Amino acid sequence: MRDKFSILIIFLIFGLIGAGVYSNIMEQKSVDHSKIPAKVEDDSAFQRWITNLKNKDIEISADDFKLLEKVEIYNTKWMKVYSIEESGKQEEYDKIIAEHKDVKDVVFSPSERIFLDYRNISRNGYNSNEVHFYGLRDDKIIDARILDCSIRANCIFDRAYFLDNEVFVITEISRSIDKKDLTTQTCLPSESCSYSFKLHLVDLINNSRLIYESKPFDAVLDELAPEL
């Protein structure tokens, strides 16, 4: 009798665990990714960014962004991974972290173990249209080109900020064209062109990047960019 009771308890435990896992999966599937998540919209950095745009006569709100695509972020072609235990790597890591502190357009995670360098210049082997991700996760140093954008589309990364140590946002302004389209006529940054903002929501744990695009607007990038 006792054995039957023990078996029943075990089945009940596994049943509850299974129900919990199923509930979590269903909850994740039910999340509406078509709009910018509330955790982004409610963040003070996003609100400051939107307010700054409105002050520059660009009327865009969170509701004007729609999901463009979802992609994975880790690409071994553009990533180097080292163990912090390797000889000299701790010293190298400390040096690189120190060199990027208090640098304009370089932002650190709350833990200050990771940074995003989105400067619109060529630096340390990275081009102006590339975001450099560098930092320590567990005992691994990750050095990666986490994101790039189309020069043909006159792209500029204008903001980056962390929501927590594993999730961050990068915003980009670029022409409203498909970066794979080589037939679209060139429009110089000194000319009035149709642009849109793209918001990249990166989740390191789930290896995902959600890309949201705003409604288009006309602007002269050379005039707008210094004010972003």
C-alpha atoms as a PDB file:
ATOM      1  CA  MET A   1       0.000   0.000   0.000  1.00  0.00           C
ATOM      2  CA  ARG A   2       2.810   2.371   0.921  1.00  0.00           C
ATOM      3  CA  ASP A   3       4.544   1.658  -2.414  1.00  0.00           C
ATOM      4  CA  LYS A   4       1.372   2.487  -4.342  1.00  0.00           C
ATOM      5  CA  PHE A   5       1.007   5.714  -2.379  1.00  0.00           C
ATOM      6  CA  SER A   6       4.652   6.657  -3.152  1.00  0.00           C
ATOM      7  CA  ILE A   7       4.132   5.972  -6.854  1.00  0.00           C
ATOM      8  CA  LEU A   8       0.985   8.133  -6.816  1.00  0.00           C
ATOM      9  CA  ILE A   9       2.889  11.006  -5.203  1.00  0.00           C
ATOM     10  CA  ILE A  10       5.657  10.720  -7.806  1.00  0.00           C
ATOM     11  CA  PHE A  11       3.095  10.829 -10.640  1.00  0.00           C
ATOM     12  CA  LEU A  12       1.451  13.863  -9.059  1.00  0.00           C
ATOM     13  CA  ILE A  13       4.787  15.670  -8.753  1.00  0.00           C
ATOM     14  CA  PHE A  14       5.721  14.980 -12.375  1.00  0.00           C
ATOM     15  CA  GLY A  15       2.220  15.984 -13.418  1.00  0.00           C
ATOM     16  CA  LEU A  16       2.540  19.332 -11.652  1.00  0.00           C
ATOM     17  CA  ILE A  17       5.996  19.918 -13.145  1.00  0.00           C
ATOM     18  CA  GLY A  18       4.682  19.082 -16.610  1.00  0.00           C
ATOM     19  CA  ALA A  19       1.720  21.388 -16.163  1.00  0.00           C
ATOM     20  CA  GLY A  20       4.034  24.195 -15.066  1.00  0.00           C
ATOM     21  CA  VAL A  21       6.328  23.750 -18.058  1.00  0.00           C
ATOM     22  CA  TYR A  22       3.331  23.633 -20.424  1.00  0.00           C
ATOM     23  CA  SER A  23       1.895  26.770 -18.839  1.00  0.00           C
ATOM     24  CA  ASN A  24       5.188  28.628 -19.291  1.00  0.00           C
ATOM     25  CA  ILE A  25       5.418  27.554 -22.933  1.00  0.00           C
ATOM     26  CA  MET A  26       1.850  28.655 -23.616  1.00  0.00           C
ATOM     27  CA  GLU A  27       2.475  31.964 -21.860  1.00  0.00           C
ATOM     28  CA  GLN A  28       5.544  32.630 -24.010  1.00  0.00           C
ATOM     29  CA  LYS A  29       3.637  31.763 -27.163  1.00  0.00           C
ATOM     30  CA  SER A  30       0.785  34.051 -26.166  1.00  0.00           C
ATOM     31  CA  VAL A  31       3.056  37.102 -25.877  1.00  0.00           C
ATOM     32  CA  ASP A  32       2.283  39.571 -28.647  1.00  0.00           C
ATOM     33  CA  HIS A  33       5.613  40.396 -30.286  1.00  0.00           C
ATOM     34  CA  SER A  34       4.003  42.461 -33.036  1.00  0.00           C
ATOM     35  CA  LYS A  35       4.356  45.617 -30.952  1.00  0.00           C
ATOM     36  CA  ILE A  36       7.206  46.999 -28.878  1.00  0.00           C
ATOM     37  CA  PRO A  37       7.066  45.207 -25.488  1.00  0.00           C
ATOM     38  CA  ALA A  38       5.914  47.164 -22.461  1.00  0.00           C
ATOM     39  CA  LYS A  39       9.293  46.634 -20.759  1.00  0.00           C
ATOM     40  CA  VAL A  40      10.857  48.680 -23.564  1.00  0.00           C
ATOM     41  CA  GLU A  41       8.121  51.290 -23.894  1.00  0.00           C
ATOM     42  CA  ASP A  42       8.063  51.928 -20.139  1.00  0.00           C
ATOM     43  CA  ASP A  43      11.837  52.209 -19.814  1.00  0.00           C
ATOM     44  CA  SER A  44      13.087  55.722 -19.057  1.00  0.00           C
ATOM     45  CA  ALA A  45      15.747  55.536 -21.790  1.00  0.00           C
ATOM     46  CA  PHE A  46      13.100  54.822 -24.427  1.00  0.00           C
ATOM     47  CA  GLN A  47      10.889  57.630 -23.135  1.00  0.00           C
ATOM     48  CA  ARG A  48      13.805  60.106 -23.251  1.00  0.00           C
ATOM     49  CA  TRP A  49      14.583  58.994 -26.807  1.00  0.00           C
ATOM     50  CA  ILE A  50      10.985  59.453 -27.978  1.00  0.00           C
ATOM     51  CA  THR A  51      10.782  62.850 -26.254  1.00  0.00           C
ATOM     52  CA  ASN A  52      14.003  63.970 -27.928  1.00  0.00           C
ATOM     53  CA  LEU A  53      12.605  62.984 -31.336  1.00  0.00           C
ATOM     54  CA  LYS A  54       9.429  64.961 -30.694  1.00  0.00           C
ATOM     55  CA  ASN A  55      11.538  67.977 -29.758  1.00  0.00           C
ATOM     56  CA  LYS A  56      13.122  67.622 -33.199  1.00  0.00           C
ATOM     57  CA  ASP A  57       9.652  67.628 -34.798  1.00  0.00           C
ATOM     58  CA  ILE A  58       9.659  63.873 -35.460  1.00  0.00           C
ATOM     59  CA  GLU A  59       6.284  62.687 -34.206  1.00  0.00           C
ATOM     60  CA  ILE A  60       6.819  58.981 -33.483  1.00  0.00           C
ATOM     61  CA  SER A  61       5.390  56.922 -30.641  1.00  0.00           C
ATOM     62  CA  ALA A  62       5.753  53.303 -29.571  1.00  0.00           C
ATOM     63  CA  ASP A  63       2.533  52.457 -31.438  1.00  0.00           C
ATOM     64  CA  ASP A  64       4.165  53.523 -34.706  1.00  0.00           C
ATOM     65  CA  PHE A  65       6.638  50.618 -34.534  1.00  0.00           C
ATOM     66  CA  LYS A  66       5.767  47.256 -36.074  1.00  0.00           C
ATOM     67  CA  LEU A  67       7.669  43.981 -35.914  1.00  0.00           C
ATOM     68  CA  LEU A  68       9.830  43.605 -39.008  1.00  0.00           C
ATOM     69  CA  GLU A  69      11.560  40.294 -38.294  1.00  0.00           C
ATOM     70  CA  LYS A  70      13.049  38.050 -35.625  1.00  0.00           C
ATOM     71  CA  VAL A  71      16.574  36.674 -36.001  1.00  0.00           C
ATOM     72  CA  GLU A  72      19.231  34.923 -33.958  1.00  0.00           C
ATOM     73  CA  ILE A  73      22.117  37.038 -32.698  1.00  0.00           C
ATOM     74  CA  TYR A  74      25.043  34.661 -32.317  1.00  0.00           C
ATOM     75  CA  ASN A  75      27.057  34.227 -35.484  1.00  0.00           C
ATOM     76  CA  THR A  76      30.383  32.427 -35.088  1.00  0.00           C
ATOM     77  CA  LYS A  77      31.678  34.217 -38.191  1.00  0.00           C
ATOM     78  CA  TRP A  78      31.554  37.537 -36.358  1.00  0.00           C
ATOM     79  CA  MET A  79      32.292  36.363 -32.829  1.00  0.00           C
ATOM     80  CA  LYS A  80      35.357  35.453 -30.806  1.00  0.00           C
ATOM     81  CA  VAL A  81      35.062  33.642 -27.486  1.00  0.00           C
ATOM     82  CA  TYR A  82      37.833  33.266 -24.922  1.00  0.00           C
ATOM     83  CA  SER A  83      38.065  31.828 -21.443  1.00  0.00           C
ATOM     84  CA  ILE A  84      38.905  34.365 -18.769  1.00  0.00           C
ATOM     85  CA  GLU A  85      41.148  31.642 -17.345  1.00  0.00           C
ATOM     86  CA  GLU A  86      43.468  31.744 -20.372  1.00  0.00           C
ATOM     87  CA  SER A  87      46.862  33.270 -19.723  1.00  0.00           C
ATOM     88  CA  GLY A  88      46.749  37.061 -19.971  1.00  0.00           C
ATOM     89  CA  LYS A  89      43.025  37.268 -20.772  1.00  0.00           C
ATOM     90  CA  GLN A  90      42.003  38.733 -17.419  1.00  0.00           C
ATOM     91  CA  GLU A  91      44.517  41.551 -17.849  1.00  0.00           C
ATOM     92  CA  GLU A  92      43.437  42.110 -21.467  1.00  0.00           C
ATOM     93  CA  TYR A  93      39.777  42.201 -20.454  1.00  0.00           C
ATOM     94  CA  ASP A  94      40.416  44.701 -17.645  1.00  0.00           C
ATOM     95  CA  LYS A  95      42.380  46.935 -20.032  1.00  0.00           C
ATOM     96  CA  ILE A  96      39.701  46.976 -22.734  1.00  0.00           C
ATOM     97  CA  ILE A  97      36.945  47.636 -20.205  1.00  0.00           C
ATOM     98  CA  ALA A  98      38.915  50.529 -18.705  1.00  0.00           C
ATOM     99  CA  GLU A  99      39.625  52.036 -22.147  1.00  0.00           C
ATOM    100  CA  HIS A 100      35.904  52.246 -22.947  1.00  0.00           C
ATOM    101  CA  LYS A 101      34.707  53.782 -19.696  1.00  0.00           C
ATOM    102  CA  ASP A 102      33.292  57.306 -19.992  1.00  0.00           C
ATOM    103  CA  VAL A 103      33.480  57.233 -23.806  1.00  0.00           C
ATOM    104  CA  LYS A 104      30.629  58.892 -25.704  1.00  0.00           C
ATOM    105  CA  ASP A 105      28.353  56.389 -27.500  1.00  0.00           C
ATOM    106  CA  VAL A 106      29.699  53.473 -25.460  1.00  0.00           C
ATOM    107  CA  VAL A 107      27.238  52.079 -22.908  1.00  0.00           C
ATOM    108  CA  PHE A 108      27.773  49.514 -20.158  1.00  0.00           C
ATOM    109  CA  SER A 109      25.452  46.885 -18.690  1.00  0.00           C
ATOM    110  CA  PRO A 110      24.273  47.400 -15.080  1.00  0.00           C
ATOM    111  CA  SER A 111      26.960  44.919 -13.964  1.00  0.00           C
ATOM    112  CA  GLU A 112      29.562  46.945 -15.931  1.00  0.00           C
ATOM    113  CA  ARG A 113      30.964  43.676 -17.287  1.00  0.00           C
ATOM    114  CA  ILE A 114      29.681  44.235 -20.851  1.00  0.00           C
ATOM    115  CA  PHE A 115      29.647  47.236 -23.165  1.00  0.00           C
ATOM    116  CA  LEU A 116      28.163  48.227 -26.512  1.00  0.00           C
ATOM    117  CA  ASP A 117      30.248  50.521 -28.702  1.00  0.00           C
ATOM    118  CA  TYR A 118      28.005  52.093 -31.352  1.00  0.00           C
ATOM    119  CA  ARG A 119      30.189  55.036 -32.308  1.00  0.00           C
ATOM    120  CA  ASN A 120      29.699  56.217 -35.880  1.00  0.00           C
ATOM    121  CA  ILE A 121      33.419  55.931 -36.643  1.00  0.00           C
ATOM    122  CA  SER A 122      35.854  53.195 -37.597  1.00  0.00           C
ATOM    123  CA  ARG A 123      37.575  51.886 -34.439  1.00  0.00           C
ATOM    124  CA  ASN A 124      39.496  48.826 -33.301  1.00  0.00           C
ATOM    125  CA  GLY A 125      38.712  46.809 -36.422  1.00  0.00           C
ATOM    126  CA  TYR A 126      35.015  47.750 -36.449  1.00  0.00           C
ATOM    127  CA  ASN A 127      33.392  49.962 -39.082  1.00  0.00           C
ATOM    128  CA  SER A 128      31.079  52.919 -38.527  1.00  0.00           C
ATOM    129  CA  ASN A 129      28.039  50.803 -39.432  1.00  0.00           C
ATOM    130  CA  GLU A 130      28.852  48.059 -36.905  1.00  0.00           C
ATOM    131  CA  VAL A 131      28.101  47.727 -33.186  1.00  0.00           C
ATOM    132  CA  HIS A 132      30.875  46.199 -31.101  1.00  0.00           C
ATOM    133  CA  PHE A 133      29.761  43.960 -28.233  1.00  0.00           C
ATOM    134  CA  TYR A 134      32.422  43.116 -25.671  1.00  0.00           C
ATOM    135  CA  GLY A 135      32.195  41.637 -22.230  1.00  0.00           C
ATOM    136  CA  LEU A 136      32.235  38.795 -19.759  1.00  0.00           C
ATOM    137  CA  ARG A 137      29.412  36.248 -19.485  1.00  0.00           C
ATOM    138  CA  ASP A 138      30.061  33.604 -16.851  1.00  0.00           C
ATOM    139  CA  ASP A 139      33.752  32.770 -17.443  1.00  0.00           C
ATOM    140  CA  LYS A 140      33.726  33.571 -21.180  1.00  0.00           C
ATOM    141  CA  ILE A 141      34.907  36.776 -22.827  1.00  0.00           C
ATOM    142  CA  ILE A 142      32.765  37.541 -25.890  1.00  0.00           C
ATOM    143  CA  ASP A 143      34.085  39.887 -28.557  1.00  0.00           C
ATOM    144  CA  ALA A 144      31.558  40.267 -31.366  1.00  0.00           C
ATOM    145  CA  ARG A 145      30.068  42.347 -34.119  1.00  0.00           C
ATOM    146  CA  ILE A 146      26.608  42.129 -32.632  1.00  0.00           C
ATOM    147  CA  LEU A 147      24.863  44.211 -35.278  1.00  0.00           C
ATOM    148  CA  ASP A 148      25.467  46.027 -38.545  1.00  0.00           C
ATOM    149  CA  CYS A 149      23.375  48.205 -40.841  1.00  0.00           C
ATOM    150  CA  SER A 150      23.341  49.229 -44.481  1.00  0.00           C
ATOM    151  CA  ILE A 151      25.663  52.049 -45.560  1.00  0.00           C
ATOM    152  CA  ARG A 152      23.629  52.231 -48.780  1.00  0.00           C
ATOM    153  CA  ALA A 153      20.675  53.162 -46.585  1.00  0.00           C
ATOM    154  CA  ASN A 154      22.684  56.002 -44.927  1.00  0.00           C
ATOM    155  CA  CYS A 155      22.374  54.172 -41.612  1.00  0.00           C
ATOM    156  CA  ILE A 156      23.433  55.507 -38.235  1.00  0.00           C
ATOM    157  CA  PHE A 157      23.099  53.894 -34.805  1.00  0.00           C
ATOM    158  CA  ASP A 158      21.865  56.701 -32.584  1.00  0.00           C
ATOM    159  CA  ARG A 159      21.154  55.089 -29.180  1.00  0.00           C
ATOM    160  CA  ALA A 160      21.894  51.960 -27.161  1.00  0.00           C
ATOM    161  CA  TYR A 161      20.917  51.044 -23.614  1.00  0.00           C
ATOM    162  CA  PHE A 162      20.530  48.005 -21.385  1.00  0.00           C
ATOM    163  CA  LEU A 163      17.211  46.965 -19.844  1.00  0.00           C
ATOM    164  CA  ASP A 164      19.118  44.510 -17.655  1.00  0.00           C
ATOM    165  CA  ASN A 165      22.373  42.559 -17.865  1.00  0.00           C
ATOM    166  CA  GLU A 166      21.002  40.224 -20.561  1.00  0.00           C
ATOM    167  CA  VAL A 167      18.662  42.423 -22.608  1.00  0.00           C
ATOM    168  CA  PHE A 168      19.469  45.614 -24.468  1.00  0.00           C
ATOM    169  CA  VAL A 169      18.112  47.963 -27.124  1.00  0.00           C
ATOM    170  CA  ILE A 170      19.881  49.550 -30.089  1.00  0.00           C
ATOM    171  CA  THR A 171      18.144  52.104 -32.300  1.00  0.00           C
ATOM    172  CA  GLU A 172      19.068  52.870 -35.879  1.00  0.00           C
ATOM    173  CA  ILE A 173      17.979  55.505 -38.380  1.00  0.00           C
ATOM    174  CA  SER A 174      18.209  54.508 -42.026  1.00  0.00           C
ATOM    175  CA  ARG A 175      16.466  54.954 -45.328  1.00  0.00           C
ATOM    176  CA  SER A 176      13.232  53.054 -45.786  1.00  0.00           C
ATOM    177  CA  ILE A 177      14.697  50.533 -48.205  1.00  0.00           C
ATOM    178  CA  ASP A 178      15.560  46.859 -48.172  1.00  0.00           C
ATOM    179  CA  LYS A 179      19.318  46.688 -47.574  1.00  0.00           C
ATOM    180  CA  LYS A 180      19.512  43.809 -50.059  1.00  0.00           C
ATOM    181  CA  ASP A 181      17.930  45.946 -52.791  1.00  0.00           C
ATOM    182  CA  LEU A 182      20.726  47.205 -55.046  1.00  0.00           C
ATOM    183  CA  THR A 183      18.405  48.899 -57.548  1.00  0.00           C
ATOM    184  CA  THR A 184      17.036  51.678 -55.322  1.00  0.00           C
ATOM    185  CA  GLN A 185      18.316  55.096 -56.311  1.00  0.00           C
ATOM    186  CA  THR A 186      20.974  56.630 -54.077  1.00  0.00           C
ATOM    187  CA  CYS A 187      19.901  59.497 -51.839  1.00  0.00           C
ATOM    188  CA  LEU A 188      22.698  61.474 -50.205  1.00  0.00           C
ATOM    189  CA  PRO A 189      22.662  62.382 -46.487  1.00  0.00           C
ATOM    190  CA  SER A 190      22.631  66.022 -47.592  1.00  0.00           C
ATOM    191  CA  GLU A 191      19.358  65.477 -49.462  1.00  0.00           C
ATOM    192  CA  SER A 192      15.838  65.014 -48.176  1.00  0.00           C
ATOM    193  CA  CYS A 193      15.153  61.268 -48.079  1.00  0.00           C
ATOM    194  CA  SER A 194      12.568  58.926 -46.629  1.00  0.00           C
ATOM    195  CA  TYR A 195      13.856  57.424 -43.370  1.00  0.00           C
ATOM    196  CA  SER A 196      12.584  55.196 -40.603  1.00  0.00           C
ATOM    197  CA  PHE A 197      13.837  54.166 -37.187  1.00  0.00           C
ATOM    198  CA  LYS A 198      14.579  50.533 -36.444  1.00  0.00           C
ATOM    199  CA  LEU A 199      14.600  49.334 -32.855  1.00  0.00           C
ATOM    200  CA  HIS A 200      16.644  46.196 -32.199  1.00  0.00           C
ATOM    201  CA  LEU A 201      15.655  44.364 -29.011  1.00  0.00           C
ATOM    202  CA  VAL A 202      18.413  41.876 -28.166  1.00  0.00           C
ATOM    203  CA  ASP A 203      17.982  39.036 -25.678  1.00  0.00           C
ATOM    204  CA  LEU A 204      21.272  37.262 -24.927  1.00  0.00           C
ATOM    205  CA  ILE A 205      19.719  34.398 -22.972  1.00  0.00           C
ATOM    206  CA  ASN A 206      17.238  33.464 -25.690  1.00  0.00           C
ATOM    207  CA  ASN A 207      19.642  34.288 -28.559  1.00  0.00           C
ATOM    208  CA  SER A 208      17.064  36.498 -30.230  1.00  0.00           C
ATOM    209  CA  ARG A 209      16.866  39.907 -31.858  1.00  0.00           C
ATOM    210  CA  LEU A 210      13.454  41.413 -32.508  1.00  0.00           C
ATOM    211  CA  ILE A 211      13.556  44.196 -35.096  1.00  0.00           C
ATOM    212  CA  TYR A 212      10.820  46.847 -35.019  1.00  0.00           C
ATOM    213  CA  GLU A 213      10.454  49.545 -37.666  1.00  0.00           C
ATOM    214  CA  SER A 214       8.726  52.907 -37.311  1.00  0.00           C
ATOM    215  CA  LYS A 215       6.538  54.641 -39.830  1.00  0.00           C
ATOM    216  CA  PRO A 216       8.612  56.500 -42.484  1.00  0.00           C
ATOM    217  CA  PHE A 217       9.327  60.209 -42.418  1.00  0.00           C
ATOM    218  CA  ASP A 218      11.282  62.681 -44.556  1.00  0.00           C
ATOM    219  CA  ALA A 219      14.507  64.204 -43.238  1.00  0.00           C
ATOM    220  CA  VAL A 220      17.924  65.520 -44.205  1.00  0.00           C
ATOM    221  CA  LEU A 221      20.242  63.207 -42.290  1.00  0.00           C
ATOM    222  CA  ASP A 222      23.160  65.670 -42.186  1.00  0.00           C
ATOM    223  CA  GLU A 223      20.908  68.109 -40.345  1.00  0.00           C
ATOM    224  CA  LEU A 224      19.140  65.597 -38.130  1.00  0.00           C
ATOM    225  CA  ALA A 225      22.008  63.319 -37.061  1.00  0.00           C
ATOM    226  CA  PRO A 226      23.898  65.842 -34.864  1.00  0.00           C
ATOM    227  CA  GLU A 227      20.696  66.405 -32.872  1.00  0.00           C
ATOM    228  CA  LEU A 228      19.935  62.765 -32.174  1.00  0.00           C
END
